Amino acid sequence: MRERCPVCGKDTLETNFREENIEYFGRMLLISSYCSSCGYRHNDVLLVDQKEPVKITFVASGEEDLKVRVIRSSHASIMIPEIGVSIDPVTYGESFVSNVEGLLLRIINVMSQLLRDSSENERKEILERLKKIGKMRNGLERLTIIINDPSGNSAIISDRAKIERGNLNID
């Protein structure tokens, strides 16, 4: 399907849809968009079946926990209180499937970009957070991942993940 790109405005955004049956989740619609004019990309995963809101909490306390699978829907927020990070859903947010280490790498990339346009005080704070994330990536410091998802489409694949479902007052 071709449509207008939200970035460059040209009718060169190609969107593909594919339905899959995925373990732990059921039927899902995978959506992938790419603009051949400007390179814009957007991916999303939508659950075909209705689910309840979910809050998932996972404490990673060693190197093995860095391999735990993290699945975030475009509606979910992720918080890591130990480093004061919150990833909020946006109007055209992107879902992803990664692991704990991959999530930390995403945060490192964003913080590294923020360093360029920061004041001296902000730079010190960002560098401290990056140092702490480095220790987390080496399994030397624990971290807590909290996912709030009103669509119920997110998950952390671990027996130690605490899952709360239902009316959770998730914004």
N, C-alpha and C. Protein backbone atom coordinates (compact mmCIF):
# COMPACT_ATOMS: atom_id res chain seq x y z
N MET A 1 0.85 -1.17 0.00
CA MET A 1 0.00 0.00 0.00
C MET A 1 0.90 1.24 0.00
N ARG A 2 0.63 2.20 -0.87
CA ARG A 2 1.38 3.46 -0.94
C ARG A 2 0.54 4.57 -0.33
N GLU A 3 1.21 5.45 0.42
CA GLU A 3 0.53 6.59 1.01
C GLU A 3 1.50 7.75 1.17
N ARG A 4 0.99 8.87 1.65
CA ARG A 4 1.80 10.08 1.82
C ARG A 4 2.69 9.93 3.06
N CYS A 5 3.97 10.25 2.91
CA CYS A 5 4.94 10.18 4.00
C CYS A 5 4.70 11.34 4.97
N PRO A 6 4.66 11.07 6.30
CA PRO A 6 4.45 12.15 7.27
C PRO A 6 5.66 13.07 7.41
N VAL A 7 6.82 12.68 6.88
CA VAL A 7 8.03 13.48 7.00
C VAL A 7 8.26 14.36 5.77
N CYS A 8 8.29 13.74 4.59
CA CYS A 8 8.62 14.52 3.38
C CYS A 8 7.38 14.92 2.56
N GLY A 9 6.23 14.31 2.85
CA GLY A 9 4.99 14.67 2.17
C GLY A 9 4.81 14.05 0.79
N LYS A 10 5.74 13.23 0.35
CA LYS A 10 5.62 12.59 -0.97
C LYS A 10 4.81 11.30 -0.85
N ASP A 11 4.22 10.89 -1.94
CA ASP A 11 3.42 9.66 -1.96
C ASP A 11 4.29 8.43 -2.21
N THR A 12 5.36 8.32 -1.42
CA THR A 12 6.32 7.23 -1.61
C THR A 12 6.50 6.39 -0.35
N LEU A 13 5.53 6.46 0.56
CA LEU A 13 5.58 5.64 1.78
C LEU A 13 4.91 4.31 1.47
N GLU A 14 5.69 3.25 1.51
CA GLU A 14 5.19 1.91 1.24
C GLU A 14 4.92 1.23 2.57
N THR A 15 3.69 0.76 2.78
CA THR A 15 3.32 0.11 4.03
C THR A 15 2.90 -1.33 3.74
N ASN A 16 3.48 -2.25 4.50
CA ASN A 16 3.16 -3.68 4.36
C ASN A 16 2.56 -4.19 5.66
N PHE A 17 1.60 -5.09 5.53
CA PHE A 17 0.92 -5.70 6.67
C PHE A 17 1.09 -7.21 6.56
N ARG A 18 1.33 -7.86 7.72
CA ARG A 18 1.42 -9.31 7.75
C ARG A 18 0.88 -9.80 9.09
N GLU A 19 0.02 -10.80 9.05
CA GLU A 19 -0.51 -11.37 10.30
C GLU A 19 0.30 -12.60 10.66
N GLU A 20 0.66 -12.70 11.94
CA GLU A 20 1.44 -13.82 12.45
C GLU A 20 0.80 -14.32 13.74
N ASN A 21 0.99 -15.58 14.04
CA ASN A 21 0.58 -16.13 15.32
C ASN A 21 1.86 -16.31 16.13
N ILE A 22 2.03 -15.50 17.17
CA ILE A 22 3.28 -15.45 17.92
C ILE A 22 3.08 -16.00 19.33
N GLU A 23 3.98 -16.91 19.72
CA GLU A 23 3.93 -17.51 21.04
C GLU A 23 3.88 -16.43 22.12
N TYR A 24 3.09 -16.65 23.16
CA TYR A 24 2.86 -15.75 24.29
C TYR A 24 1.85 -14.64 23.97
N PHE A 25 1.64 -14.33 22.69
CA PHE A 25 0.81 -13.18 22.35
C PHE A 25 -0.43 -13.52 21.55
N GLY A 26 -0.38 -14.56 20.74
CA GLY A 26 -1.50 -14.88 19.87
C GLY A 26 -1.35 -14.21 18.52
N ARG A 27 -2.50 -13.90 17.89
CA ARG A 27 -2.47 -13.32 16.55
C ARG A 27 -2.04 -11.86 16.62
N MET A 28 -1.08 -11.51 15.78
CA MET A 28 -0.56 -10.15 15.75
C MET A 28 -0.48 -9.66 14.31
N LEU A 29 -0.69 -8.36 14.13
CA LEU A 29 -0.55 -7.72 12.83
C LEU A 29 0.76 -6.95 12.84
N LEU A 30 1.69 -7.33 11.95
CA LEU A 30 2.98 -6.67 11.85
C LEU A 30 2.88 -5.63 10.74
N ILE A 31 3.20 -4.38 11.06
CA ILE A 31 3.09 -3.28 10.11
C ILE A 31 4.48 -2.67 9.92
N SER A 32 4.88 -2.53 8.68
CA SER A 32 6.19 -1.97 8.37
C SER A 32 6.04 -0.93 7.27
N SER A 33 6.53 0.29 7.53
CA SER A 33 6.45 1.38 6.55
C SER A 33 7.84 1.91 6.25
N TYR A 34 8.07 2.23 4.95
CA TYR A 34 9.36 2.78 4.53
C TYR A 34 9.11 3.77 3.40
N CYS A 35 9.71 4.96 3.52
CA CYS A 35 9.61 5.98 2.48
C CYS A 35 10.87 5.92 1.62
N SER A 36 10.69 5.65 0.33
CA SER A 36 11.84 5.55 -0.58
C SER A 36 12.43 6.92 -0.93
N SER A 37 11.69 8.00 -0.61
CA SER A 37 12.21 9.34 -0.91
C SER A 37 13.13 9.87 0.18
N CYS A 38 12.72 9.73 1.44
CA CYS A 38 13.51 10.34 2.53
C CYS A 38 14.11 9.33 3.50
N GLY A 39 13.74 8.04 3.38
CA GLY A 39 14.30 7.03 4.25
C GLY A 39 13.55 6.83 5.56
N TYR A 40 12.46 7.56 5.76
CA TYR A 40 11.67 7.42 6.99
C TYR A 40 11.20 5.97 7.14
N ARG A 41 11.27 5.45 8.37
CA ARG A 41 10.80 4.09 8.69
C ARG A 41 9.89 4.14 9.90
N HIS A 42 8.91 3.27 9.90
CA HIS A 42 8.06 3.09 11.08
C HIS A 42 7.60 1.64 11.10
N ASN A 43 7.71 1.01 12.28
CA ASN A 43 7.26 -0.36 12.47
C ASN A 43 6.31 -0.39 13.64
N ASP A 44 5.32 -1.25 13.56
CA ASP A 44 4.39 -1.41 14.68
C ASP A 44 3.90 -2.84 14.71
N VAL A 45 3.51 -3.26 15.89
CA VAL A 45 2.93 -4.58 16.09
C VAL A 45 1.63 -4.37 16.83
N LEU A 46 0.54 -4.84 16.26
CA LEU A 46 -0.77 -4.70 16.89
C LEU A 46 -1.34 -6.07 17.17
N LEU A 47 -1.87 -6.24 18.36
CA LEU A 47 -2.51 -7.49 18.73
C LEU A 47 -3.88 -7.53 18.09
N VAL A 48 -4.19 -8.61 17.44
CA VAL A 48 -5.49 -8.76 16.80
C VAL A 48 -6.55 -9.01 17.86
N ASP A 49 -6.21 -9.80 18.86
CA ASP A 49 -7.14 -10.12 19.95
C ASP A 49 -7.03 -9.08 21.06
N GLN A 50 -8.15 -8.75 21.69
CA GLN A 50 -8.21 -7.74 22.76
C GLN A 50 -7.55 -8.27 24.03
N LYS A 51 -6.76 -7.43 24.70
CA LYS A 51 -6.14 -7.80 25.97
C LYS A 51 -6.39 -6.72 27.01
N GLU A 52 -6.20 -7.10 28.28
CA GLU A 52 -6.33 -6.15 29.39
C GLU A 52 -5.05 -5.33 29.52
N PRO A 53 -5.15 -4.14 30.14
CA PRO A 53 -3.93 -3.37 30.44
C PRO A 53 -2.98 -4.21 31.30
N VAL A 54 -1.69 -3.95 31.16
CA VAL A 54 -0.71 -4.73 31.90
C VAL A 54 0.38 -3.83 32.46
N LYS A 55 0.84 -4.19 33.66
CA LYS A 55 2.02 -3.57 34.26
C LYS A 55 2.99 -4.71 34.53
N ILE A 56 4.21 -4.58 34.01
CA ILE A 56 5.21 -5.63 34.15
C ILE A 56 6.43 -5.04 34.84
N THR A 57 6.91 -5.73 35.86
CA THR A 57 8.10 -5.29 36.59
C THR A 57 9.12 -6.42 36.56
N PHE A 58 10.35 -6.08 36.21
CA PHE A 58 11.42 -7.07 36.16
C PHE A 58 12.69 -6.45 36.74
N VAL A 59 13.34 -7.17 37.64
CA VAL A 59 14.61 -6.73 38.22
C VAL A 59 15.73 -7.57 37.61
N ALA A 60 16.62 -6.90 36.89
CA ALA A 60 17.79 -7.55 36.30
C ALA A 60 18.95 -7.37 37.27
N SER A 61 19.55 -8.49 37.68
CA SER A 61 20.58 -8.39 38.71
C SER A 61 21.91 -9.04 38.33
N GLY A 62 22.06 -9.42 37.08
CA GLY A 62 23.32 -10.03 36.66
C GLY A 62 23.40 -10.11 35.15
N GLU A 63 24.54 -10.60 34.66
CA GLU A 63 24.77 -10.65 33.22
C GLU A 63 23.75 -11.50 32.48
N GLU A 64 23.32 -12.61 33.05
CA GLU A 64 22.34 -13.47 32.38
C GLU A 64 21.02 -12.75 32.14
N ASP A 65 20.67 -11.86 33.05
CA ASP A 65 19.40 -11.11 32.91
C ASP A 65 19.43 -10.14 31.73
N LEU A 66 20.61 -9.80 31.23
CA LEU A 66 20.70 -8.89 30.08
C LEU A 66 20.15 -9.54 28.81
N LYS A 67 20.02 -10.87 28.82
CA LYS A 67 19.51 -11.61 27.66
C LYS A 67 17.99 -11.75 27.67
N VAL A 68 17.34 -11.34 28.74
CA VAL A 68 15.88 -11.50 28.85
C VAL A 68 15.19 -10.65 27.80
N ARG A 69 14.22 -11.27 27.11
CA ARG A 69 13.49 -10.63 26.01
C ARG A 69 12.54 -9.56 26.54
N VAL A 70 12.56 -8.38 25.89
CA VAL A 70 11.68 -7.25 26.22
C VAL A 70 10.88 -6.92 24.97
N ILE A 71 9.56 -6.90 25.10
CA ILE A 71 8.68 -6.57 23.98
C ILE A 71 7.84 -5.37 24.38
N ARG A 72 7.99 -4.28 23.63
CA ARG A 72 7.27 -3.03 23.93
C ARG A 72 6.32 -2.71 22.78
N SER A 73 5.04 -2.50 23.12
CA SER A 73 4.09 -2.05 22.11
C SER A 73 4.22 -0.54 21.96
N SER A 74 3.64 -0.01 20.92
CA SER A 74 3.72 1.43 20.67
C SER A 74 2.92 2.23 21.70
N HIS A 75 2.11 1.56 22.51
CA HIS A 75 1.30 2.24 23.52
C HIS A 75 1.95 2.24 24.91
N ALA A 76 3.05 1.54 25.06
CA ALA A 76 3.64 1.30 26.38
C ALA A 76 4.66 2.36 26.77
N SER A 77 4.74 2.58 28.08
CA SER A 77 5.82 3.39 28.64
C SER A 77 6.77 2.43 29.36
N ILE A 78 8.05 2.80 29.39
CA ILE A 78 9.05 2.01 30.10
C ILE A 78 9.77 2.94 31.06
N MET A 79 9.93 2.49 32.30
CA MET A 79 10.67 3.25 33.30
C MET A 79 11.80 2.40 33.86
N ILE A 80 12.94 3.05 34.09
CA ILE A 80 14.06 2.44 34.80
C ILE A 80 14.42 3.42 35.91
N PRO A 81 13.85 3.23 37.11
CA PRO A 81 14.01 4.22 38.19
C PRO A 81 15.45 4.46 38.63
N GLU A 82 16.30 3.45 38.57
CA GLU A 82 17.68 3.60 39.05
C GLU A 82 18.46 4.65 38.28
N ILE A 83 18.08 4.91 37.05
CA ILE A 83 18.78 5.92 36.25
C ILE A 83 17.86 7.08 35.86
N GLY A 84 16.65 7.09 36.41
CA GLY A 84 15.72 8.20 36.16
C GLY A 84 15.28 8.31 34.72
N VAL A 85 15.11 7.17 34.05
CA VAL A 85 14.73 7.18 32.64
C VAL A 85 13.29 6.75 32.48
N SER A 86 12.57 7.47 31.64
CA SER A 86 11.20 7.12 31.27
C SER A 86 11.07 7.26 29.76
N ILE A 87 10.62 6.19 29.12
CA ILE A 87 10.37 6.19 27.68
C ILE A 87 8.87 6.17 27.51
N ASP A 88 8.32 7.29 27.08
CA ASP A 88 6.87 7.41 26.98
C ASP A 88 6.41 7.16 25.55
N PRO A 89 5.17 6.64 25.40
CA PRO A 89 4.64 6.48 24.05
C PRO A 89 4.39 7.86 23.45
N VAL A 90 4.57 7.97 22.16
CA VAL A 90 4.32 9.23 21.46
C VAL A 90 3.22 8.98 20.44
N THR A 91 2.78 10.05 19.80
CA THR A 91 1.68 9.93 18.84
C THR A 91 1.94 8.85 17.81
N TYR A 92 3.15 8.79 17.29
CA TYR A 92 3.49 7.80 16.28
C TYR A 92 4.63 6.95 16.82
N GLY A 93 4.43 6.40 18.04
CA GLY A 93 5.47 5.65 18.72
C GLY A 93 5.79 4.35 18.03
N GLU A 94 6.94 3.79 18.35
CA GLU A 94 7.38 2.57 17.69
C GLU A 94 7.50 1.44 18.69
N SER A 95 6.99 0.29 18.30
CA SER A 95 7.14 -0.90 19.12
C SER A 95 8.51 -1.51 18.82
N PHE A 96 8.99 -2.37 19.72
CA PHE A 96 10.23 -3.08 19.44
C PHE A 96 10.29 -4.38 20.22
N VAL A 97 11.08 -5.29 19.70
CA VAL A 97 11.41 -6.55 20.38
C VAL A 97 12.91 -6.54 20.53
N SER A 98 13.38 -6.67 21.76
CA SER A 98 14.81 -6.61 22.03
C SER A 98 15.09 -7.47 23.25
N ASN A 99 16.20 -7.21 23.91
CA ASN A 99 16.48 -7.81 25.21
C ASN A 99 16.88 -6.67 26.14
N VAL A 100 17.15 -6.99 27.39
CA VAL A 100 17.47 -5.95 28.37
C VAL A 100 18.68 -5.15 27.91
N GLU A 101 19.72 -5.83 27.43
CA GLU A 101 20.91 -5.10 26.97
C GLU A 101 20.58 -4.20 25.79
N GLY A 102 19.75 -4.67 24.86
CA GLY A 102 19.34 -3.86 23.72
C GLY A 102 18.58 -2.61 24.15
N LEU A 103 17.74 -2.75 25.18
CA LEU A 103 17.03 -1.60 25.73
C LEU A 103 18.02 -0.58 26.28
N LEU A 104 19.03 -1.06 27.01
CA LEU A 104 20.05 -0.16 27.54
C LEU A 104 20.83 0.53 26.41
N LEU A 105 21.10 -0.18 25.34
CA LEU A 105 21.81 0.42 24.20
C LEU A 105 20.97 1.52 23.55
N ARG A 106 19.65 1.32 23.47
CA ARG A 106 18.76 2.36 22.94
C ARG A 106 18.87 3.63 23.80
N ILE A 107 18.88 3.43 25.11
CA ILE A 107 18.97 4.56 26.04
C ILE A 107 20.33 5.26 25.89
N ILE A 108 21.40 4.48 25.78
CA ILE A 108 22.74 5.05 25.58
C ILE A 108 22.77 5.91 24.32
N ASN A 109 22.19 5.42 23.24
CA ASN A 109 22.18 6.18 21.97
C ASN A 109 21.46 7.52 22.13
N VAL A 110 20.32 7.52 22.79
CA VAL A 110 19.57 8.77 22.98
C VAL A 110 20.35 9.72 23.87
N MET A 111 20.91 9.21 24.97
CA MET A 111 21.67 10.07 25.89
C MET A 111 22.92 10.63 25.21
N SER A 112 23.55 9.84 24.37
CA SER A 112 24.74 10.32 23.65
C SER A 112 24.38 11.47 22.72
N GLN A 113 23.21 11.40 22.09
CA GLN A 113 22.75 12.51 21.24
C GLN A 113 22.45 13.75 22.08
N LEU A 114 21.90 13.55 23.28
CA LEU A 114 21.57 14.68 24.15
C LEU A 114 22.82 15.42 24.62
N LEU A 115 23.94 14.71 24.72
CA LEU A 115 25.19 15.32 25.18
C LEU A 115 25.59 16.51 24.32
N ARG A 116 25.33 16.43 23.02
CA ARG A 116 25.76 17.47 22.08
C ARG A 116 25.13 18.83 22.36
N ASP A 117 23.89 18.83 22.79
CA ASP A 117 23.15 20.09 22.96
C ASP A 117 22.89 20.42 24.43
N SER A 118 23.72 19.93 25.32
CA SER A 118 23.48 20.10 26.75
C SER A 118 24.40 21.14 27.38
N SER A 119 23.91 21.73 28.46
CA SER A 119 24.74 22.64 29.25
C SER A 119 25.75 21.81 30.04
N GLU A 120 26.69 22.46 30.68
CA GLU A 120 27.72 21.76 31.45
C GLU A 120 27.11 20.91 32.57
N ASN A 121 26.13 21.48 33.30
CA ASN A 121 25.48 20.73 34.38
C ASN A 121 24.72 19.53 33.84
N GLU A 122 24.02 19.72 32.72
CA GLU A 122 23.28 18.61 32.12
C GLU A 122 24.24 17.53 31.63
N ARG A 123 25.37 17.95 31.09
CA ARG A 123 26.37 16.99 30.60
C ARG A 123 26.88 16.11 31.75
N LYS A 124 27.14 16.73 32.90
CA LYS A 124 27.63 15.96 34.05
C LYS A 124 26.60 14.91 34.47
N GLU A 125 25.34 15.31 34.50
CA GLU A 125 24.26 14.39 34.89
C GLU A 125 24.13 13.24 33.88
N ILE A 126 24.18 13.57 32.60
CA ILE A 126 24.07 12.54 31.56
C ILE A 126 25.26 11.59 31.63
N LEU A 127 26.46 12.12 31.83
CA LEU A 127 27.65 11.27 31.92
C LEU A 127 27.58 10.34 33.13
N GLU A 128 27.04 10.83 34.25
CA GLU A 128 26.86 9.97 35.43
C GLU A 128 25.89 8.83 35.13
N ARG A 129 24.79 9.16 34.44
CA ARG A 129 23.81 8.13 34.07
C ARG A 129 24.44 7.11 33.12
N LEU A 130 25.22 7.59 32.15
CA LEU A 130 25.87 6.68 31.21
C LEU A 130 26.86 5.75 31.93
N LYS A 131 27.55 6.28 32.93
CA LYS A 131 28.49 5.47 33.72
C LYS A 131 27.72 4.37 34.46
N LYS A 132 26.58 4.73 35.02
CA LYS A 132 25.76 3.76 35.75
C LYS A 132 25.21 2.69 34.79
N ILE A 133 24.78 3.13 33.60
CA ILE A 133 24.29 2.17 32.60
C ILE A 133 25.40 1.20 32.19
N GLY A 134 26.63 1.71 32.09
CA GLY A 134 27.78 0.85 31.78
C GLY A 134 27.94 -0.26 32.80
N LYS A 135 27.78 0.07 34.07
CA LYS A 135 27.85 -0.94 35.13
C LYS A 135 26.70 -1.93 35.01
N MET A 136 25.52 -1.43 34.65
CA MET A 136 24.37 -2.32 34.46
C MET A 136 24.62 -3.29 33.31
N ARG A 137 25.21 -2.79 32.22
CA ARG A 137 25.50 -3.64 31.05
C ARG A 137 26.53 -4.70 31.36
N ASN A 138 27.35 -4.48 32.36
CA ASN A 138 28.34 -5.47 32.78
C ASN A 138 27.83 -6.36 33.90
N GLY A 139 26.56 -6.18 34.27
CA GLY A 139 25.96 -7.00 35.32
C GLY A 139 26.42 -6.64 36.71
N LEU A 140 27.02 -5.45 36.87
CA LEU A 140 27.56 -5.04 38.17
C LEU A 140 26.54 -4.28 39.02
N GLU A 141 25.51 -3.74 38.39
CA GLU A 141 24.45 -3.03 39.12
C GLU A 141 23.11 -3.54 38.64
N ARG A 142 22.19 -3.64 39.56
CA ARG A 142 20.85 -4.10 39.20
C ARG A 142 20.04 -2.96 38.59
N LEU A 143 19.03 -3.33 37.85
CA LEU A 143 18.11 -2.34 37.31
C LEU A 143 16.71 -2.91 37.31
N THR A 144 15.75 -2.03 37.46
CA THR A 144 14.34 -2.41 37.46
C THR A 144 13.70 -1.85 36.20
N ILE A 145 13.06 -2.71 35.45
CA ILE A 145 12.32 -2.29 34.26
C ILE A 145 10.84 -2.39 34.58
N ILE A 146 10.14 -1.28 34.40
CA ILE A 146 8.69 -1.24 34.63
C ILE A 146 8.03 -0.85 33.31
N ILE A 147 7.18 -1.73 32.81
CA ILE A 147 6.43 -1.43 31.58
C ILE A 147 4.97 -1.27 31.95
N ASN A 148 4.38 -0.15 31.57
CA ASN A 148 2.94 0.08 31.70
C ASN A 148 2.36 0.13 30.30
N ASP A 149 1.41 -0.77 30.02
CA ASP A 149 0.85 -0.83 28.67
C ASP A 149 -0.67 -0.96 28.72
N PRO A 150 -1.38 0.12 28.38
CA PRO A 150 -2.84 0.07 28.38
C PRO A 150 -3.40 -0.90 27.34
N SER A 151 -2.62 -1.23 26.30
CA SER A 151 -3.10 -2.15 25.27
C SER A 151 -2.84 -3.61 25.65
N GLY A 152 -2.00 -3.85 26.66
CA GLY A 152 -1.70 -5.21 27.08
C GLY A 152 -0.82 -5.99 26.13
N ASN A 153 -0.18 -5.31 25.19
CA ASN A 153 0.59 -5.99 24.15
C ASN A 153 2.09 -6.09 24.43
N SER A 154 2.55 -5.62 25.57
CA SER A 154 3.98 -5.68 25.91
C SER A 154 4.25 -6.89 26.80
N ALA A 155 5.52 -7.27 26.88
CA ALA A 155 5.89 -8.40 27.73
C ALA A 155 7.37 -8.35 28.06
N ILE A 156 7.71 -9.01 29.15
CA ILE A 156 9.09 -9.33 29.48
C ILE A 156 9.08 -10.84 29.70
N ILE A 157 9.83 -11.57 28.89
CA ILE A 157 9.77 -13.03 28.89
C ILE A 157 10.76 -13.58 29.92
N SER A 158 10.25 -13.72 31.15
CA SER A 158 11.04 -14.27 32.25
C SER A 158 10.08 -14.77 33.32
N ASP A 159 10.44 -15.88 33.95
CA ASP A 159 9.63 -16.39 35.06
C ASP A 159 9.64 -15.42 36.24
N ARG A 160 10.63 -14.54 36.30
CA ARG A 160 10.74 -13.59 37.41
C ARG A 160 10.03 -12.27 37.16
N ALA A 161 9.45 -12.10 35.98
CA ALA A 161 8.72 -10.86 35.69
C ALA A 161 7.41 -10.87 36.47
N LYS A 162 7.15 -9.78 37.18
CA LYS A 162 5.90 -9.64 37.93
C LYS A 162 4.88 -8.98 37.00
N ILE A 163 3.75 -9.65 36.80
CA ILE A 163 2.74 -9.18 35.85
C ILE A 163 1.45 -8.87 36.60
N GLU A 164 0.95 -7.64 36.40
CA GLU A 164 -0.35 -7.24 36.95
C GLU A 164 -1.24 -6.90 35.77
N ARG A 165 -2.45 -7.47 35.75
CA ARG A 165 -3.38 -7.22 34.65
C ARG A 165 -4.67 -6.62 35.18
N GLY A 166 -5.38 -5.95 34.29
CA GLY A 166 -6.69 -5.43 34.64
C GLY A 166 -6.71 -3.92 34.71
N ASN A 167 -7.62 -3.40 35.50
CA ASN A 167 -7.80 -1.95 35.64
C ASN A 167 -6.68 -1.38 36.49
N LEU A 168 -5.62 -0.93 35.84
CA LEU A 168 -4.41 -0.49 36.55
C LEU A 168 -4.24 1.02 36.58
N ASN A 169 -5.22 1.77 36.07
CA ASN A 169 -5.10 3.23 35.96
C ASN A 169 -3.84 3.62 35.22
N ILE A 170 -3.59 2.95 34.12
CA ILE A 170 -2.43 3.26 33.28
C ILE A 170 -2.81 4.38 32.35
N ASP A 171 -2.00 5.45 32.34
CA ASP A 171 -2.27 6.58 31.45
C ASP A 171 -1.69 6.33 30.09
